[in-house]
């Protein structure tokens, strides 16, 4: 297939592009290489992860003419839409960036599919849509009407946009709720990278809610496999939403202990209160993805952090 991958220089996007090419698909990537975090890291992902010969065009999903030109040139069979302004905490400071990229940008992608008769869009949602839900594990049929951050609200909006575009125009829409993705080449604003950098400098790590938190930490290779498995899936009703996560919830304190183990450093901890927009627990029921996508996560958090630590020490020249 000819597949457009948006956000192809991103953490998830670069790994998805690699997996797609390995499975024989032709990929055209697009990324705006914005400076929310290190642009060099994004370029290094393209150089080291995205297979040679796979173009990653520097451009923005807000540029409708660019998108139209790409669709005319390449006749895409599917769009995998992963471009987004990420980060729950940053959305408290700069909500406009989230509305523009995540809502308007996503609408541009859905409109692109409509105008150019691209039959399927696989798009990134987020575990953050579950907001302050107290019933765990989170299931796709649970209510997601109480977001606690602007980021979460934009991702819920994307799911509603997808439903409307399918109802109006028949585009197959598959939404993926990612749960705390981690691993080599990860985002510097995520806990694993923040903790590792601070620990390597002898600085205290910020531990919110005194460490009384838990997450469904999900390794990047498992996420990439889950995304790519959607290529061959046709929902009965034309739309579907999946949790992509590990099967196990891990306490933040245990996560930190594993980072200490594999980094070879004892962390100094700065115990802090819960931040606005954050949630205490994310934990997914993945039975739907197992049944429909044959999704089968392979990495436990010990193995995943070990792989991350090896990469971190090499990439950042830390010994």
C-alpha atoms as a PDB file:
ATOM      1  CA  UNK A   1       0.000   0.000   0.000  1.00  0.00           C
ATOM      2  CA  UNK A   2       0.874   3.669  -0.383  1.00  0.00           C
ATOM      3  CA  UNK A   3       0.627   5.101   3.137  1.00  0.00           C
ATOM      4  CA  UNK A   4       0.932   8.674   4.396  1.00  0.00           C
ATOM      5  CA  UNK A   5       2.351   8.829   7.929  1.00  0.00           C
ATOM      6  CA  UNK A   6       1.964  12.192   9.641  1.00  0.00           C
ATOM      7  CA  UNK A   7       4.341  12.956  12.500  1.00  0.00           C
ATOM      8  CA  UNK A   8       6.906  10.633  10.915  1.00  0.00           C
ATOM      9  CA  UNK A   9       9.836  12.195  12.804  1.00  0.00           C
ATOM     10  CA  UNK A  10       8.031  11.681  16.090  1.00  0.00           C
ATOM     11  CA  UNK A  11       8.668   8.943  18.606  1.00  0.00           C
ATOM     12  CA  UNK A  12       5.771   6.740  17.516  1.00  0.00           C
ATOM     13  CA  UNK A  13       5.701   7.892  13.885  1.00  0.00           C
ATOM     14  CA  UNK A  14       9.317   6.986  13.133  1.00  0.00           C
ATOM     15  CA  UNK A  15       8.894   3.472  14.552  1.00  0.00           C
ATOM     16  CA  UNK A  16       5.605   2.983  12.682  1.00  0.00           C
ATOM     17  CA  UNK A  17       7.242   4.084   9.405  1.00  0.00           C
ATOM     18  CA  UNK A  18      10.016   1.535   9.985  1.00  0.00           C
ATOM     19  CA  UNK A  19       7.555  -1.272  10.699  1.00  0.00           C
ATOM     20  CA  UNK A  20       5.460  -0.441   7.635  1.00  0.00           C
ATOM     21  CA  UNK A  21       8.457  -0.486   5.295  1.00  0.00           C
ATOM     22  CA  UNK A  22       9.622  -3.781   6.803  1.00  0.00           C
ATOM     23  CA  UNK A  23       6.207  -5.226   5.922  1.00  0.00           C
ATOM     24  CA  UNK A  24       6.514  -4.098   2.306  1.00  0.00           C
ATOM     25  CA  UNK A  25       4.474  -0.901   2.255  1.00  0.00           C
ATOM     26  CA  UNK A  26       5.522   2.339   0.574  1.00  0.00           C
ATOM     27  CA  UNK A  27       5.611   5.201   3.081  1.00  0.00           C
ATOM     28  CA  UNK A  28       5.615   8.950   2.609  1.00  0.00           C
ATOM     29  CA  UNK A  29       6.185  10.791   5.873  1.00  0.00           C
ATOM     30  CA  UNK A  30       5.458  14.362   6.843  1.00  0.00           C
ATOM     31  CA  UNK A  31       6.574  16.251   9.942  1.00  0.00           C
ATOM     32  CA  UNK A  32       6.921  19.941  10.773  1.00  0.00           C
ATOM     33  CA  UNK A  33      10.003  19.350  12.977  1.00  0.00           C
ATOM     34  CA  UNK A  34       8.757  21.917  15.482  1.00  0.00           C
ATOM     35  CA  UNK A  35      10.862  22.914  18.472  1.00  0.00           C
ATOM     36  CA  UNK A  36       8.544  21.707  21.266  1.00  0.00           C
ATOM     37  CA  UNK A  37      11.526  19.476  22.016  1.00  0.00           C
ATOM     38  CA  UNK A  38      14.887  18.825  20.369  1.00  0.00           C
ATOM     39  CA  UNK A  39      14.692  19.157  16.590  1.00  0.00           C
ATOM     40  CA  UNK A  40      18.010  17.304  16.391  1.00  0.00           C
ATOM     41  CA  UNK A  41      16.465  14.282  18.119  1.00  0.00           C
ATOM     42  CA  UNK A  42      13.709  14.264  15.489  1.00  0.00           C
ATOM     43  CA  UNK A  43      16.240  14.450  12.652  1.00  0.00           C
ATOM     44  CA  UNK A  44      18.290  11.695  14.273  1.00  0.00           C
ATOM     45  CA  UNK A  45      15.195   9.484  14.436  1.00  0.00           C
ATOM     46  CA  UNK A  46      14.688   9.939  10.712  1.00  0.00           C
ATOM     47  CA  UNK A  47      18.339   9.096  10.074  1.00  0.00           C
ATOM     48  CA  UNK A  48      18.489   6.103  12.404  1.00  0.00           C
ATOM     49  CA  UNK A  49      14.984   4.598  12.482  1.00  0.00           C
ATOM     50  CA  UNK A  50      13.124   5.484   9.274  1.00  0.00           C
ATOM     51  CA  UNK A  51      14.469   3.187   6.525  1.00  0.00           C
ATOM     52  CA  UNK A  52      16.749   4.741   3.944  1.00  0.00           C
ATOM     53  CA  UNK A  53      14.879   5.887   0.846  1.00  0.00           C
ATOM     54  CA  UNK A  54      11.671   6.647   2.751  1.00  0.00           C
ATOM     55  CA  UNK A  55      10.997  10.382   2.338  1.00  0.00           C
ATOM     56  CA  UNK A  56      10.008  12.446   5.366  1.00  0.00           C
ATOM     57  CA  UNK A  57       8.851  15.798   4.045  1.00  0.00           C
ATOM     58  CA  UNK A  58       9.286  18.871   6.220  1.00  0.00           C
ATOM     59  CA  UNK A  59       5.835  20.382   6.237  1.00  0.00           C
ATOM     60  CA  UNK A  60       2.813  21.085   8.390  1.00  0.00           C
ATOM     61  CA  UNK A  61      -0.584  19.398   8.442  1.00  0.00           C
ATOM     62  CA  UNK A  62      -2.036  22.914   8.674  1.00  0.00           C
ATOM     63  CA  UNK A  63      -0.765  23.477   5.105  1.00  0.00           C
ATOM     64  CA  UNK A  64      -3.730  22.223   3.092  1.00  0.00           C
ATOM     65  CA  UNK A  65      -2.100  22.853  -0.296  1.00  0.00           C
ATOM     66  CA  UNK A  66       0.902  20.730   0.638  1.00  0.00           C
ATOM     67  CA  UNK A  67      -1.384  17.903   1.742  1.00  0.00           C
ATOM     68  CA  UNK A  68      -3.392  18.125  -1.489  1.00  0.00           C
ATOM     69  CA  UNK A  69      -0.228  18.073  -3.589  1.00  0.00           C
ATOM     70  CA  UNK A  70       1.043  14.988  -1.761  1.00  0.00           C
ATOM     71  CA  UNK A  71      -2.263  13.154  -2.212  1.00  0.00           C
ATOM     72  CA  UNK A  72      -2.363  13.967  -5.941  1.00  0.00           C
ATOM     73  CA  UNK A  73       1.209  12.765  -6.395  1.00  0.00           C
ATOM     74  CA  UNK A  74       1.062   9.557  -4.380  1.00  0.00           C
ATOM     75  CA  UNK A  75      -2.550   8.267  -4.469  1.00  0.00           C
ATOM     76  CA  UNK A  76      -2.542   7.110  -0.851  1.00  0.00           C
ATOM     77  CA  UNK A  77      -4.440   3.971   0.162  1.00  0.00           C
ATOM     78  CA  UNK A  78      -4.351   4.766   3.877  1.00  0.00           C
ATOM     79  CA  UNK A  79      -3.380   7.620   6.200  1.00  0.00           C
ATOM     80  CA  UNK A  80      -1.796   6.954   9.582  1.00  0.00           C
ATOM     81  CA  UNK A  81      -2.256  10.249  11.400  1.00  0.00           C
ATOM     82  CA  UNK A  82       0.138  10.554  14.340  1.00  0.00           C
ATOM     83  CA  UNK A  83       1.077  14.245  14.121  1.00  0.00           C
ATOM     84  CA  UNK A  84      -0.066  16.180  17.180  1.00  0.00           C
ATOM     85  CA  UNK A  85       0.974  18.728  19.713  1.00  0.00           C
ATOM     86  CA  UNK A  86       1.785  16.359  22.555  1.00  0.00           C
ATOM     87  CA  UNK A  87       2.151  16.812  26.302  1.00  0.00           C
ATOM     88  CA  UNK A  88      -0.548  17.162  28.947  1.00  0.00           C
ATOM     89  CA  UNK A  89       1.318  19.689  31.096  1.00  0.00           C
ATOM     90  CA  UNK A  90       2.339  21.949  28.190  1.00  0.00           C
ATOM     91  CA  UNK A  91      -1.322  22.187  27.172  1.00  0.00           C
ATOM     92  CA  UNK A  92      -1.958  24.149  30.369  1.00  0.00           C
ATOM     93  CA  UNK A  93       0.496  26.824  29.197  1.00  0.00           C
ATOM     94  CA  UNK A  94      -0.202  26.949  25.462  1.00  0.00           C
ATOM     95  CA  UNK A  95      -3.724  25.708  24.675  1.00  0.00           C
ATOM     96  CA  UNK A  96      -3.881  27.437  21.277  1.00  0.00           C
ATOM     97  CA  UNK A  97      -1.152  25.160  19.893  1.00  0.00           C
ATOM     98  CA  UNK A  98      -3.314  22.154  20.751  1.00  0.00           C
ATOM     99  CA  UNK A  99      -6.465  23.561  19.190  1.00  0.00           C
ATOM    100  CA  UNK A 100      -4.645  24.460  15.975  1.00  0.00           C
ATOM    101  CA  UNK A 101      -2.628  21.277  15.482  1.00  0.00           C
ATOM    102  CA  UNK A 102      -4.782  18.643  17.120  1.00  0.00           C
ATOM    103  CA  UNK A 103      -8.240  19.863  16.104  1.00  0.00           C
ATOM    104  CA  UNK A 104      -7.756  21.903  12.919  1.00  0.00           C
ATOM    105  CA  UNK A 105      -4.792  19.813  11.760  1.00  0.00           C
ATOM    106  CA  UNK A 106      -6.723  16.589  12.264  1.00  0.00           C
ATOM    107  CA  UNK A 107      -9.692  18.027  10.397  1.00  0.00           C
ATOM    108  CA  UNK A 108      -7.347  18.796   7.504  1.00  0.00           C
ATOM    109  CA  UNK A 109      -6.284  15.139   7.434  1.00  0.00           C
ATOM    110  CA  UNK A 110      -9.867  13.877   7.538  1.00  0.00           C
ATOM    111  CA  UNK A 111     -10.806  16.354   4.810  1.00  0.00           C
ATOM    112  CA  UNK A 112      -7.850  15.160   2.750  1.00  0.00           C
ATOM    113  CA  UNK A 113      -9.207  11.618   2.930  1.00  0.00           C
ATOM    114  CA  UNK A 114     -12.639  12.808   1.831  1.00  0.00           C
ATOM    115  CA  UNK A 115     -11.423  14.935  -1.082  1.00  0.00           C
ATOM    116  CA  UNK A 116      -9.030  12.316  -2.449  1.00  0.00           C
ATOM    117  CA  UNK A 117     -11.118   9.193  -1.768  1.00  0.00           C
ATOM    118  CA  UNK A 118      -8.593   7.723   0.650  1.00  0.00           C
ATOM    119  CA  UNK A 119     -10.661   4.921   2.207  1.00  0.00           C
ATOM    120  CA  UNK A 120      -9.069   4.564   5.652  1.00  0.00           C
ATOM    121  CA  UNK A 121      -7.593   6.820   8.340  1.00  0.00           C
ATOM    122  CA  UNK A 122      -5.881   5.369  11.411  1.00  0.00           C
ATOM    123  CA  UNK A 123      -5.449   8.174  13.926  1.00  0.00           C
ATOM    124  CA  UNK A 124      -3.861   8.689  17.322  1.00  0.00           C
ATOM    125  CA  UNK A 125      -6.095   9.329  20.277  1.00  0.00           C
ATOM    126  CA  UNK A 126      -4.812   9.028  23.856  1.00  0.00           C
ATOM    127  CA  UNK A 127      -5.408   7.342  27.188  1.00  0.00           C
ATOM    128  CA  UNK A 128      -5.876  10.879  28.530  1.00  0.00           C
ATOM    129  CA  UNK A 129      -9.443  10.894  27.167  1.00  0.00           C
ATOM    130  CA  UNK A 130     -10.437   8.751  30.156  1.00  0.00           C
ATOM    131  CA  UNK A 131      -9.790  11.785  32.369  1.00  0.00           C
ATOM    132  CA  UNK A 132     -10.543  11.183  36.007  1.00  0.00           C
ATOM    133  CA  UNK A 133     -12.363   7.876  35.481  1.00  0.00           C
ATOM    134  CA  UNK A 134     -12.128   5.804  38.656  1.00  0.00           C
ATOM    135  CA  UNK A 135     -13.331   2.479  37.225  1.00  0.00           C
ATOM    136  CA  UNK A 136     -10.318   0.449  36.158  1.00  0.00           C
ATOM    137  CA  UNK A 137      -9.188  -1.016  33.885  1.00  0.00           C
ATOM    138  CA  UNK A 138     -10.334   1.532  31.303  1.00  0.00           C
ATOM    139  CA  UNK A 139     -12.473   0.029  28.536  1.00  0.00           C
ATOM    140  CA  UNK A 140     -13.220   1.593  25.162  1.00  0.00           C
ATOM    141  CA  UNK A 141     -16.951   1.664  25.974  1.00  0.00           C
ATOM    142  CA  UNK A 142     -16.398   3.736  29.145  1.00  0.00           C
ATOM    143  CA  UNK A 143     -17.562   7.337  29.233  1.00  0.00           C
ATOM    144  CA  UNK A 144     -14.874   9.817  28.134  1.00  0.00           C
ATOM    145  CA  UNK A 145     -16.878  12.994  28.744  1.00  0.00           C
ATOM    146  CA  UNK A 146     -14.762  14.443  31.568  1.00  0.00           C
ATOM    147  CA  UNK A 147     -11.301  15.436  30.269  1.00  0.00           C
ATOM    148  CA  UNK A 148      -8.990  17.069  32.793  1.00  0.00           C
ATOM    149  CA  UNK A 149      -6.603  18.753  30.323  1.00  0.00           C
ATOM    150  CA  UNK A 150      -6.830  20.672  27.056  1.00  0.00           C
ATOM    151  CA  UNK A 151      -4.744  17.936  25.419  1.00  0.00           C
ATOM    152  CA  UNK A 152      -7.308  15.313  26.465  1.00  0.00           C
ATOM    153  CA  UNK A 153     -10.152  17.498  25.211  1.00  0.00           C
ATOM    154  CA  UNK A 154      -8.544  17.772  21.770  1.00  0.00           C
ATOM    155  CA  UNK A 155      -8.118  14.014  21.563  1.00  0.00           C
ATOM    156  CA  UNK A 156     -11.766  13.459  22.496  1.00  0.00           C
ATOM    157  CA  UNK A 157     -12.613  16.013  19.797  1.00  0.00           C
ATOM    158  CA  UNK A 158     -10.629  13.950  17.271  1.00  0.00           C
ATOM    159  CA  UNK A 159     -12.730  10.887  18.075  1.00  0.00           C
ATOM    160  CA  UNK A 160     -15.915  12.892  17.517  1.00  0.00           C
ATOM    161  CA  UNK A 161     -14.553  14.352  14.282  1.00  0.00           C
ATOM    162  CA  UNK A 162     -13.786  10.839  13.061  1.00  0.00           C
ATOM    163  CA  UNK A 163     -17.299   9.639  13.857  1.00  0.00           C
ATOM    164  CA  UNK A 164     -18.802  12.576  11.950  1.00  0.00           C
ATOM    165  CA  UNK A 165     -16.575  12.091   8.892  1.00  0.00           C
ATOM    166  CA  UNK A 166     -17.459   8.420   8.731  1.00  0.00           C
ATOM    167  CA  UNK A 167     -21.185   9.139   9.076  1.00  0.00           C
ATOM    168  CA  UNK A 168     -21.092  11.813   6.386  1.00  0.00           C
ATOM    169  CA  UNK A 169     -18.582  10.439   3.903  1.00  0.00           C
ATOM    170  CA  UNK A 170     -18.038   6.751   4.698  1.00  0.00           C
ATOM    171  CA  UNK A 171     -14.320   6.983   5.486  1.00  0.00           C
ATOM    172  CA  UNK A 172     -13.172   4.056   7.638  1.00  0.00           C
ATOM    173  CA  UNK A 173     -11.870   5.534  10.897  1.00  0.00           C
ATOM    174  CA  UNK A 174      -9.779   3.667  13.489  1.00  0.00           C
ATOM    175  CA  UNK A 175      -8.755   5.526  16.647  1.00  0.00           C
ATOM    176  CA  UNK A 176      -5.951   4.361  18.922  1.00  0.00           C
ATOM    177  CA  UNK A 177      -5.738   5.317  22.583  1.00  0.00           C
ATOM    178  CA  UNK A 178      -2.044   5.054  23.441  1.00  0.00           C
ATOM    179  CA  UNK A 179      -1.014   4.428  27.044  1.00  0.00           C
ATOM    180  CA  UNK A 180       2.258   6.030  28.271  1.00  0.00           C
ATOM    181  CA  UNK A 181       4.562   4.999  25.446  1.00  0.00           C
ATOM    182  CA  UNK A 182       8.254   4.644  26.330  1.00  0.00           C
ATOM    183  CA  UNK A 183      11.486   3.247  24.939  1.00  0.00           C
ATOM    184  CA  UNK A 184      14.602   4.229  22.962  1.00  0.00           C
ATOM    185  CA  UNK A 185      14.331   7.522  21.034  1.00  0.00           C
ATOM    186  CA  UNK A 186      11.514   8.629  23.336  1.00  0.00           C
ATOM    187  CA  UNK A 187      10.269  12.153  23.923  1.00  0.00           C
ATOM    188  CA  UNK A 188      12.398  14.267  26.304  1.00  0.00           C
ATOM    189  CA  UNK A 189       9.265  15.539  28.059  1.00  0.00           C
ATOM    190  CA  UNK A 190       8.280  12.054  29.234  1.00  0.00           C
ATOM    191  CA  UNK A 191       9.087  10.808  32.733  1.00  0.00           C
ATOM    192  CA  UNK A 192      11.596   8.158  31.660  1.00  0.00           C
ATOM    193  CA  UNK A 193      13.769  10.640  29.790  1.00  0.00           C
ATOM    194  CA  UNK A 194      13.378  13.397  32.399  1.00  0.00           C
ATOM    195  CA  UNK A 195      14.299  11.055  35.235  1.00  0.00           C
ATOM    196  CA  UNK A 196      17.283   9.563  33.388  1.00  0.00           C
ATOM    197  CA  UNK A 197      18.732  12.959  32.428  1.00  0.00           C
ATOM    198  CA  UNK A 198      18.344  14.392  35.921  1.00  0.00           C
ATOM    199  CA  UNK A 199      19.762  11.281  37.550  1.00  0.00           C
ATOM    200  CA  UNK A 200      22.771  11.344  35.215  1.00  0.00           C
ATOM    201  CA  UNK A 201      23.457  14.932  36.341  1.00  0.00           C
ATOM    202  CA  UNK A 202      22.965  14.190  40.030  1.00  0.00           C
ATOM    203  CA  UNK A 203      19.804  16.308  40.141  1.00  0.00           C
ATOM    204  CA  UNK A 204      16.634  15.342  42.040  1.00  0.00           C
ATOM    205  CA  UNK A 205      13.775  13.936  39.990  1.00  0.00           C
ATOM    206  CA  UNK A 206      10.246  15.400  40.302  1.00  0.00           C
ATOM    207  CA  UNK A 207       7.940  12.741  41.752  1.00  0.00           C
ATOM    208  CA  UNK A 208       4.351  13.937  41.592  1.00  0.00           C
ATOM    209  CA  UNK A 209       1.673  12.960  44.091  1.00  0.00           C
ATOM    210  CA  UNK A 210       4.495  11.693  46.273  1.00  0.00           C
ATOM    211  CA  UNK A 211       4.920   8.757  43.883  1.00  0.00           C
ATOM    212  CA  UNK A 212       1.396   7.451  44.507  1.00  0.00           C
ATOM    213  CA  UNK A 213       0.628   6.992  40.809  1.00  0.00           C
ATOM    214  CA  UNK A 214       0.487   4.107  38.347  1.00  0.00           C
ATOM    215  CA  UNK A 215       0.601   3.801  34.582  1.00  0.00           C
ATOM    216  CA  UNK A 216       0.170   1.273  31.815  1.00  0.00           C
ATOM    217  CA  UNK A 217       3.700   1.850  30.515  1.00  0.00           C
ATOM    218  CA  UNK A 218       3.772   0.529  26.923  1.00  0.00           C
ATOM    219  CA  UNK A 219       6.939  -0.211  24.963  1.00  0.00           C
ATOM    220  CA  UNK A 220       7.344   1.495  21.599  1.00  0.00           C
ATOM    221  CA  UNK A 221       7.721  -1.711  19.552  1.00  0.00           C
ATOM    222  CA  UNK A 222       4.423  -3.028  20.907  1.00  0.00           C
ATOM    223  CA  UNK A 223       2.722   0.255  19.999  1.00  0.00           C
ATOM    224  CA  UNK A 224       4.163   0.221  16.467  1.00  0.00           C
ATOM    225  CA  UNK A 225       2.975  -3.363  15.965  1.00  0.00           C
ATOM    226  CA  UNK A 226      -0.509  -2.404  17.164  1.00  0.00           C
ATOM    227  CA  UNK A 227      -0.724   0.551  14.796  1.00  0.00           C
ATOM    228  CA  UNK A 228       0.404  -1.454  11.791  1.00  0.00           C
ATOM    229  CA  UNK A 229      -2.034  -4.274  12.583  1.00  0.00           C
ATOM    230  CA  UNK A 230      -4.875  -1.842  11.826  1.00  0.00           C
ATOM    231  CA  UNK A 231      -3.899  -1.772   8.135  1.00  0.00           C
ATOM    232  CA  UNK A 232      -5.680  -5.049   7.439  1.00  0.00           C
ATOM    233  CA  UNK A 233      -8.591  -4.534   9.848  1.00  0.00           C
ATOM    234  CA  UNK A 234     -12.005  -3.500   8.538  1.00  0.00           C
ATOM    235  CA  UNK A 235     -14.460  -2.530  11.298  1.00  0.00           C
ATOM    236  CA  UNK A 236     -17.971  -3.882  10.843  1.00  0.00           C
ATOM    237  CA  UNK A 237     -19.501  -0.454  11.395  1.00  0.00           C
ATOM    238  CA  UNK A 238     -16.768   1.501   9.623  1.00  0.00           C
ATOM    239  CA  UNK A 239     -15.288   2.959  12.818  1.00  0.00           C
ATOM    240  CA  UNK A 240     -13.575   1.551  15.862  1.00  0.00           C
ATOM    241  CA  UNK A 241     -11.438   2.619  18.819  1.00  0.00           C
ATOM    242  CA  UNK A 242      -8.776   0.565  20.584  1.00  0.00           C
ATOM    243  CA  UNK A 243      -6.724   0.800  23.732  1.00  0.00           C
ATOM    244  CA  UNK A 244      -3.079   0.060  22.936  1.00  0.00           C
ATOM    245  CA  UNK A 245      -1.285  -0.655  26.179  1.00  0.00           C
ATOM    246  CA  UNK A 246       0.610  -3.213  28.149  1.00  0.00           C
ATOM    247  CA  UNK A 247      -1.491  -5.626  30.177  1.00  0.00           C
ATOM    248  CA  UNK A 248      -0.012  -4.568  33.505  1.00  0.00           C
ATOM    249  CA  UNK A 249      -0.288  -1.434  35.595  1.00  0.00           C
ATOM    250  CA  UNK A 250       3.068  -0.399  37.112  1.00  0.00           C
ATOM    251  CA  UNK A 251       3.477   1.819  40.167  1.00  0.00           C
ATOM    252  CA  UNK A 252       5.584   4.928  39.616  1.00  0.00           C
ATOM    253  CA  UNK A 253       7.825   3.960  42.534  1.00  0.00           C
ATOM    254  CA  UNK A 254       8.539   0.582  40.891  1.00  0.00           C
ATOM    255  CA  UNK A 255       9.194   2.318  37.562  1.00  0.00           C
ATOM    256  CA  UNK A 256      11.757   4.575  39.233  1.00  0.00           C
ATOM    257  CA  UNK A 257      13.414   1.565  40.878  1.00  0.00           C
ATOM    258  CA  UNK A 258      13.872  -0.061  37.466  1.00  0.00           C
ATOM    259  CA  UNK A 259      15.374   3.134  36.052  1.00  0.00           C
ATOM    260  CA  UNK A 260      17.810   3.176  38.987  1.00  0.00           C
ATOM    261  CA  UNK A 261      18.675  -0.466  38.309  1.00  0.00           C
ATOM    262  CA  UNK A 262      19.409  -0.040  34.601  1.00  0.00           C
ATOM    263  CA  UNK A 263      20.986   3.419  34.795  1.00  0.00           C
ATOM    264  CA  UNK A 264      23.139   2.315  37.728  1.00  0.00           C
ATOM    265  CA  UNK A 265      22.212   5.423  39.749  1.00  0.00           C
ATOM    266  CA  UNK A 266      20.225   5.981  42.920  1.00  0.00           C
ATOM    267  CA  UNK A 267      17.739   8.769  42.354  1.00  0.00           C
ATOM    268  CA  UNK A 268      17.352  11.798  44.570  1.00  0.00           C
ATOM    269  CA  UNK A 269      13.604  12.401  44.795  1.00  0.00           C
ATOM    270  CA  UNK A 270      11.724  15.699  45.026  1.00  0.00           C
ATOM    271  CA  UNK A 271       8.281  14.662  46.267  1.00  0.00           C
ATOM    272  CA  UNK A 272       5.659  17.008  44.827  1.00  0.00           C
ATOM    273  CA  UNK A 273       1.847  17.315  44.856  1.00  0.00           C
ATOM    274  CA  UNK A 274      -0.318  16.166  41.943  1.00  0.00           C
ATOM    275  CA  UNK A 275      -0.172  18.547  38.997  1.00  0.00           C
ATOM    276  CA  UNK A 276      -3.228  20.032  37.334  1.00  0.00           C
ATOM    277  CA  UNK A 277      -4.301  18.009  34.321  1.00  0.00           C
ATOM    278  CA  UNK A 278      -2.658  14.840  35.609  1.00  0.00           C
ATOM    279  CA  UNK A 279      -4.396  11.635  36.671  1.00  0.00           C
ATOM    280  CA  UNK A 280      -3.442   9.137  39.346  1.00  0.00           C
ATOM    281  CA  UNK A 281      -3.911   5.918  37.359  1.00  0.00           C
ATOM    282  CA  UNK A 282      -4.041   4.830  33.728  1.00  0.00           C
ATOM    283  CA  UNK A 283      -4.732   1.151  33.212  1.00  0.00           C
ATOM    284  CA  UNK A 284      -6.254  -0.419  30.101  1.00  0.00           C
ATOM    285  CA  UNK A 285      -8.430  -3.353  29.233  1.00  0.00           C
ATOM    286  CA  UNK A 286      -6.882  -4.506  25.924  1.00  0.00           C
ATOM    287  CA  UNK A 287      -9.235  -7.421  25.213  1.00  0.00           C
ATOM    288  CA  UNK A 288     -10.814  -5.609  22.254  1.00  0.00           C
ATOM    289  CA  UNK A 289      -7.427  -5.066  20.550  1.00  0.00           C
ATOM    290  CA  UNK A 290      -6.458  -8.658  21.274  1.00  0.00           C
ATOM    291  CA  UNK A 291      -9.621  -9.962  19.663  1.00  0.00           C
ATOM    292  CA  UNK A 292      -9.806  -7.721  16.598  1.00  0.00           C
ATOM    293  CA  UNK A 293      -6.145  -6.857  15.912  1.00  0.00           C
ATOM    294  CA  UNK A 294      -4.408  -9.906  17.413  1.00  0.00           C
ATOM    295  CA  UNK A 295      -2.541  -7.343  19.504  1.00  0.00           C
ATOM    296  CA  UNK A 296      -0.063  -9.097  21.777  1.00  0.00           C
ATOM    297  CA  UNK A 297       2.397  -6.867  23.693  1.00  0.00           C
ATOM    298  CA  UNK A 298       5.768  -8.565  24.134  1.00  0.00           C
ATOM    299  CA  UNK A 299       7.764  -6.250  26.397  1.00  0.00           C
ATOM    300  CA  UNK A 300       7.577  -6.045  30.161  1.00  0.00           C
ATOM    301  CA  UNK A 301       8.749  -2.827  31.773  1.00  0.00           C
ATOM    302  CA  UNK A 302      12.038  -4.302  33.038  1.00  0.00           C
ATOM    303  CA  UNK A 303      13.117  -5.331  29.538  1.00  0.00           C
ATOM    304  CA  UNK A 304      11.839  -2.082  28.043  1.00  0.00           C
ATOM    305  CA  UNK A 305      13.717   0.168  30.470  1.00  0.00           C
ATOM    306  CA  UNK A 306      16.865  -1.892  29.992  1.00  0.00           C
ATOM    307  CA  UNK A 307      16.677  -1.216  26.241  1.00  0.00           C
ATOM    308  CA  UNK A 308      16.030   2.469  26.878  1.00  0.00           C
ATOM    309  CA  UNK A 309      18.981   2.793  29.272  1.00  0.00           C
ATOM    310  CA  UNK A 310      21.363   1.217  26.739  1.00  0.00           C
ATOM    311  CA  UNK A 311      20.191   3.663  24.076  1.00  0.00           C
ATOM    312  CA  UNK A 312      20.251   6.659  26.446  1.00  0.00           C
ATOM    313  CA  UNK A 313      23.841   6.034  27.513  1.00  0.00           C
ATOM    314  CA  UNK A 314      25.004   5.707  23.918  1.00  0.00           C
ATOM    315  CA  UNK A 315      23.007   8.613  22.470  1.00  0.00           C
ATOM    316  CA  UNK A 316      23.823  11.063  25.251  1.00  0.00           C
ATOM    317  CA  UNK A 317      27.384   9.714  25.756  1.00  0.00           C
ATOM    318  CA  UNK A 318      26.714   8.897  29.388  1.00  0.00           C
ATOM    319  CA  UNK A 319      28.801   6.281  31.182  1.00  0.00           C
END
